[in-house]
Amino acid sequence: MKLKRSKNLSAQRAGEHELPNRLDTVTVVKASGERMKGRVSEREGNSLVVVLTVTPDRPLGAKQLEGMTLEVEAKNGYVKLEGSVALEQEDTLRFSDLQTIGVVQRREYVRAFVNRQVKINLGPGRPQTETHSLDVSGSGIRLAGPEMLEVGDRVELEIEIADKGEKVHAVGTVVRVGDRGDRAVAFDSISNIDQRRLIRFVFDCLRMDRRRGLKL
């Protein structure tokens, strides 16, 4: 199995998988399904040291380390790795004896260009703010700002998907800042129910756009 090669991704094979290179971005996944972005700081044999890009709101305990896995980008999907996990610092994890436990094909989500109100919670000590969406999909959202958001920021989102006030909630990470100040947020955590509602909303928007197009 070969991972997608990028400018930073190595081709070192370790058992049945290839480990990412130093400074590559990975995703740490808790047994609860919560996802945290991280960056590889060390690599040796079948072991990686990963520094989380956002310090957890709560200290990681032994129970949270149980069942923790890694996801590494691959062509058309990602590779899931597991091994023993140890906490070296508040935001640093060591994964040892890593082995491949699966390859997941990426599902492409349809995206709709739609303007909806979005409330943003940046966490303790930072003010809640509002903006609007530029486009929405089942896996992420592109926002019209605000300027305070930086790549790596972890945000809680409340997205309005109906005129009657229906909303969905998600937690995501800012992954890109556009030339015009837009912010792309990839969802790290969203309930299955809210994700289905969001996808249904996207398809409803696309159907409305097609109807408008036929009338023009």
Protein backbone atom coordinates (compact mmCIF):
# COMPACT_ATOMS: atom_id res chain seq x y z
CA MET A 1 0.00 0.00 0.00
CA LYS A 2 1.41 3.39 -0.91
CA LEU A 3 0.33 6.66 0.50
CA LYS A 4 -0.21 9.68 -1.68
CA ARG A 5 3.12 11.38 -2.11
CA SER A 6 3.23 15.10 -1.47
CA LYS A 7 6.01 17.58 -0.92
CA ASN A 8 6.33 16.39 2.67
CA LEU A 9 5.18 12.77 2.59
CA SER A 10 7.87 10.13 2.78
CA ALA A 11 8.00 6.71 1.19
CA GLN A 12 9.40 4.87 4.20
CA ARG A 13 7.65 1.54 4.56
CA ALA A 14 7.07 0.15 8.03
CA GLY A 15 5.47 -3.27 7.94
CA GLU A 16 2.33 -2.99 5.81
CA HIS A 17 2.11 0.79 5.85
CA GLU A 18 4.19 3.84 5.10
CA LEU A 19 4.65 6.37 7.82
CA PRO A 20 4.31 10.08 7.17
CA ASN A 21 7.39 12.24 7.21
CA ARG A 22 8.43 14.75 9.83
CA LEU A 23 6.23 17.91 9.69
CA ASP A 24 3.44 16.08 7.84
CA THR A 25 -0.09 16.70 9.06
CA VAL A 26 -2.05 13.77 10.54
CA THR A 27 -5.41 13.37 12.28
CA VAL A 28 -5.63 11.92 15.79
CA VAL A 29 -8.95 10.16 16.38
CA LYS A 30 -10.27 9.38 19.86
CA ALA A 31 -12.39 6.29 20.50
CA SER A 32 -15.35 8.70 20.89
CA GLY A 33 -14.87 9.83 17.29
CA GLU A 34 -13.51 13.27 18.17
CA ARG A 35 -10.80 14.30 15.71
CA MET A 36 -7.75 16.47 16.38
CA LYS A 37 -5.23 17.75 13.87
CA GLY A 38 -1.56 17.14 14.59
CA ARG A 39 1.88 17.40 13.04
CA VAL A 40 4.65 14.80 13.10
CA SER A 41 7.67 16.04 15.07
CA GLU A 42 9.66 12.77 15.15
CA ARG A 43 9.66 9.51 13.22
CA GLU A 44 11.65 6.41 14.06
CA GLY A 45 10.90 2.90 12.81
CA ASN A 46 7.22 2.21 13.42
CA SER A 47 6.86 5.07 15.89
CA LEU A 48 5.74 8.66 15.54
CA VAL A 49 5.68 11.62 17.88
CA VAL A 50 2.72 13.86 17.07
CA VAL A 51 2.24 17.42 18.35
CA LEU A 52 -1.39 18.56 18.36
CA THR A 53 -1.90 21.82 16.48
CA VAL A 54 -4.53 22.91 19.03
CA THR A 55 -4.05 22.14 22.72
CA PRO A 56 -7.06 20.13 24.03
CA ASP A 57 -9.55 22.02 26.18
CA ARG A 58 -9.21 19.27 28.77
CA PRO A 59 -6.01 17.37 29.63
CA LEU A 60 -5.83 13.97 27.94
CA GLY A 61 -6.13 11.13 30.42
CA ALA A 62 -5.43 7.42 30.21
CA LYS A 63 -9.04 6.63 29.26
CA GLN A 64 -8.90 9.06 26.33
CA LEU A 65 -5.72 7.42 25.04
CA GLU A 66 -7.45 4.03 24.88
CA GLY A 67 -8.56 3.22 21.35
CA MET A 68 -6.88 6.31 19.92
CA THR A 69 -5.84 5.95 16.27
CA LEU A 70 -4.12 7.94 13.54
CA GLU A 71 -5.39 8.82 10.08
CA VAL A 72 -2.96 9.66 7.30
CA GLU A 73 -3.91 11.12 3.93
CA ALA A 74 -3.70 8.69 1.01
CA LYS A 75 -4.82 8.72 -2.59
CA ASN A 76 -8.63 8.93 -2.72
CA GLY A 77 -8.93 8.40 1.02
CA TYR A 78 -6.86 7.83 4.12
CA VAL A 79 -5.01 5.08 5.98
CA LYS A 80 -5.97 4.25 9.59
CA LEU A 81 -3.11 3.29 11.91
CA GLU A 82 -3.12 2.04 15.49
CA GLY A 83 -0.53 1.17 18.09
CA SER A 84 0.31 1.93 21.70
CA VAL A 85 -0.16 5.58 22.68
CA ALA A 86 1.60 7.53 25.41
CA LEU A 87 1.23 11.15 26.49
CA GLU A 88 4.62 12.88 26.52
CA GLN A 89 3.38 16.44 27.11
CA GLU A 90 0.03 18.18 27.30
CA ASP A 91 -0.09 18.45 23.51
CA THR A 92 2.37 15.71 22.46
CA LEU A 93 1.61 12.03 21.83
CA ARG A 94 3.91 9.11 21.04
CA PHE A 95 2.46 6.35 18.85
CA SER A 96 4.55 3.16 18.94
CA ASP A 97 4.38 -0.15 17.00
CA LEU A 98 2.01 1.33 14.44
CA GLN A 99 0.13 -1.04 12.15
CA THR A 100 -2.40 -0.49 9.39
CA ILE A 101 -5.95 -1.33 10.44
CA GLY A 102 -7.74 -0.17 7.31
CA VAL A 103 -7.94 2.04 4.27
CA VAL A 104 -10.99 4.28 3.97
CA GLN A 105 -12.07 5.60 0.60
CA ARG A 106 -12.89 9.29 0.65
CA ARG A 107 -16.52 10.18 0.09
CA GLU A 108 -16.90 13.29 -2.00
CA TYR A 109 -19.67 15.51 -0.72
CA VAL A 110 -21.74 17.67 -2.99
CA ARG A 111 -21.31 21.38 -2.28
CA ALA A 112 -23.92 24.14 -2.59
CA PHE A 113 -23.16 27.84 -2.88
CA VAL A 114 -25.53 29.25 -0.30
CA ASN A 115 -25.64 32.18 2.12
CA ARG A 116 -26.73 31.09 5.61
CA GLN A 117 -26.12 32.57 9.04
CA VAL A 118 -23.38 30.88 11.08
CA LYS A 119 -22.58 31.42 14.75
CA ILE A 120 -18.98 30.72 15.75
CA ASN A 121 -17.71 29.83 19.22
CA LEU A 122 -13.93 30.01 19.53
CA GLY A 123 -13.77 28.61 23.04
CA PRO A 124 -13.10 29.99 26.54
CA GLY A 125 -11.82 33.55 26.67
CA ARG A 126 -12.69 34.35 23.07
CA PRO A 127 -15.88 36.12 22.00
CA GLN A 128 -18.66 34.40 20.10
CA THR A 129 -19.15 35.91 16.66
CA GLU A 130 -21.35 35.56 13.59
CA THR A 131 -20.74 35.37 9.88
CA HIS A 132 -22.38 33.73 6.87
CA SER A 133 -21.57 30.79 4.66
CA LEU A 134 -20.30 31.02 1.10
CA ASP A 135 -20.73 27.33 0.39
CA VAL A 136 -21.67 24.25 2.40
CA SER A 137 -21.15 20.49 2.14
CA GLY A 138 -21.50 17.47 4.39
CA SER A 139 -17.80 17.62 5.26
CA GLY A 140 -17.13 21.32 5.68
CA ILE A 141 -18.10 24.92 5.11
CA ARG A 142 -16.56 28.04 3.61
CA LEU A 143 -17.16 31.19 5.63
CA ALA A 144 -17.04 34.89 4.81
CA GLY A 145 -14.54 35.58 7.59
CA PRO A 146 -14.13 36.69 10.29
CA GLU A 147 -10.55 37.94 10.11
CA MET A 148 -9.75 36.67 13.62
CA LEU A 149 -9.89 33.04 12.41
CA GLU A 150 -6.49 31.56 11.61
CA VAL A 151 -5.45 28.24 10.09
CA GLY A 152 -5.47 25.63 12.84
CA ASP A 153 -8.18 27.32 14.92
CA ARG A 154 -10.74 24.86 16.26
CA VAL A 155 -14.27 26.26 16.21
CA GLU A 156 -17.78 25.27 17.22
CA LEU A 157 -20.33 26.14 14.54
CA GLU A 158 -24.09 26.62 14.60
CA ILE A 159 -25.32 26.68 11.00
CA GLU A 160 -28.80 27.84 10.12
CA ILE A 161 -30.28 25.59 7.43
CA ALA A 162 -33.92 26.75 7.32
CA ASP A 163 -35.84 30.00 7.48
CA LYS A 164 -37.77 28.66 10.48
CA GLY A 165 -34.57 28.58 12.52
CA GLU A 166 -33.54 24.93 12.05
CA LYS A 167 -29.85 24.58 12.86
CA VAL A 168 -27.09 21.99 12.80
CA HIS A 169 -24.01 21.93 15.03
CA ALA A 170 -20.47 20.91 14.16
CA VAL A 171 -16.92 21.26 15.42
CA GLY A 172 -14.25 21.94 12.84
CA THR A 173 -10.76 23.22 12.10
CA VAL A 174 -9.85 26.16 9.90
CA VAL A 175 -7.80 24.60 7.09
CA ARG A 176 -7.44 27.47 4.62
CA VAL A 177 -7.68 31.25 4.34
CA GLY A 178 -8.65 32.47 0.88
CA ASP A 179 -7.33 35.49 -1.00
CA ARG A 180 -10.57 37.36 -0.29
CA GLY A 181 -10.57 36.62 3.42
CA ASP A 182 -12.85 33.58 3.29
CA ARG A 183 -12.17 30.76 5.76
CA ALA A 184 -12.51 27.08 4.88
CA VAL A 185 -13.46 24.88 7.83
CA ALA A 186 -13.26 21.06 7.71
CA PHE A 187 -15.63 19.30 10.10
CA ASP A 188 -13.89 17.24 12.77
CA SER A 189 -17.05 16.27 14.63
CA ILE A 190 -20.69 16.31 13.53
CA SER A 191 -23.46 13.95 14.58
CA ASN A 192 -24.83 11.52 12.00
CA ILE A 193 -28.26 13.14 12.33
CA ASP A 194 -26.95 16.68 11.76
CA GLN A 195 -24.77 15.54 8.88
CA ARG A 196 -27.74 13.90 7.15
CA ARG A 197 -29.80 17.06 7.69
CA LEU A 198 -27.01 19.18 6.27
CA ILE A 199 -26.61 16.97 3.19
CA ARG A 200 -30.38 17.04 2.62
CA PHE A 201 -30.28 20.85 2.88
CA VAL A 202 -27.47 21.00 0.29
CA PHE A 203 -29.44 18.86 -2.19
CA ASP A 204 -32.55 20.98 -1.59
CA CYS A 205 -30.53 24.10 -2.45
CA LEU A 206 -29.20 22.49 -5.62
CA ARG A 207 -32.70 21.48 -6.71
CA MET A 208 -33.93 25.04 -6.17
CA ASP A 209 -31.02 26.39 -8.22
CA ARG A 210 -31.88 24.03 -11.07
CA ARG A 211 -35.54 25.14 -11.00
CA ARG A 212 -34.50 28.79 -11.11
CA GLY A 213 -32.23 28.00 -14.03
CA LEU A 214 -35.08 26.43 -16.00
CA LYS A 215 -37.21 29.54 -15.51
CA LEU A 216 -34.55 31.92 -16.81
